Protein backbone atom coordinates (compact mmCIF):
# COMPACT_ATOMS: atom_id res chain seq x y z
CA MET A 1 92.28 -44.83 23.11
CA SER A 2 88.17 -44.83 23.32
CA ALA A 3 87.76 -47.88 22.54
CA VAL A 4 90.18 -49.26 24.59
CA SER A 5 88.83 -47.49 27.26
CA ASP A 6 85.30 -48.68 26.83
CA VAL A 7 86.39 -52.43 26.41
CA LEU A 8 88.24 -52.28 29.83
CA ALA A 9 85.14 -50.41 31.04
CA GLY A 10 83.06 -53.50 29.48
CA LEU A 11 85.35 -56.03 31.09
CA LYS A 12 85.17 -54.52 34.47
CA LYS A 13 81.57 -54.42 34.89
CA VAL A 14 81.76 -58.45 33.34
CA ILE A 15 84.12 -59.35 36.37
CA LEU A 16 81.79 -57.26 38.90
CA LEU A 17 79.12 -59.20 37.51
CA GLU A 18 80.73 -62.39 37.91
CA GLU A 19 81.66 -61.73 41.78
CA ASN A 20 77.98 -60.59 42.33
CA VAL A 21 76.71 -63.57 40.77
CA SER A 22 79.17 -66.13 42.91
CA ARG A 23 78.01 -64.09 46.30
CA LEU A 24 74.55 -64.81 45.42
CA GLN A 25 75.05 -68.29 44.58
CA GLU A 26 76.17 -68.66 47.97
CA GLU A 27 73.79 -66.65 49.52
CA VAL A 28 70.51 -69.06 47.92
CA ALA A 29 72.67 -72.26 48.67
CA GLY A 30 72.52 -70.58 52.51
CA VAL A 31 68.63 -70.21 51.84
CA ALA A 32 68.16 -73.69 50.62
CA LYS A 33 69.89 -74.76 53.97
CA ASP A 34 67.80 -73.07 56.04
CA VAL A 35 65.01 -74.02 54.21
CA ARG A 36 66.06 -77.95 54.27
CA ARG A 37 66.54 -77.20 58.20
CA THR A 38 63.15 -75.76 58.64
CA ARG A 39 61.17 -78.11 56.78
CA ASP A 40 62.82 -81.04 58.85
CA TYR A 41 62.28 -79.17 61.69
CA ALA A 42 58.26 -78.70 61.05
CA ALA A 43 57.83 -82.41 60.03
CA GLU A 44 59.54 -82.99 63.97
CA ILE A 45 56.96 -80.85 65.58
CA ASP A 46 54.17 -82.34 63.25
CA LYS A 47 55.24 -85.95 64.99
CA ARG A 48 55.29 -84.55 68.21
CA VAL A 49 51.91 -82.94 67.91
CA ILE A 50 50.63 -86.24 66.62
CA ARG A 51 51.80 -88.44 69.52
CA ILE A 52 50.44 -85.73 71.57
CA GLU A 53 46.59 -86.06 69.87
CA THR A 54 46.91 -89.64 70.13
CA MET A 55 47.72 -89.88 73.80
CA ILE A 56 44.82 -87.10 74.21
CA GLU A 57 42.42 -89.59 72.58
CA MET A 58 43.49 -92.63 74.27
CA SER A 59 43.25 -91.10 77.35
CA GLY A 60 39.36 -90.29 76.73
CA ARG A 61 38.47 -93.50 75.25
CA THR A 62 39.89 -95.58 78.81
CA SER A 63 37.76 -93.10 80.71
CA GLU A 64 34.37 -93.91 79.22
CA ASN A 65 35.54 -97.57 79.48
CA GLN A 66 36.21 -97.21 83.42
CA PRO A 67 33.11 -97.63 85.45
CA ARG A 68 32.55 -93.99 87.57
CA ILE A 69 32.69 -93.70 91.08
CA GLU A 70 29.94 -92.23 92.61
CA LYS A 71 29.31 -90.79 95.66
């Protein structure tokens, strides 16, 4: 009877391991989705910063070319 109980215990461990692996795969998929969203958000922020930097550079260039009004 000991051999049968050992086999059943081993099967139980395998089933539990399969469940844990399935759960971990779902969690990894969720983390990967979060990473993709974070990457996309960072790219959007980068584009906005580039626009702001360009606006600042352009405003600096135009003010240099305009004559100043002296008092």
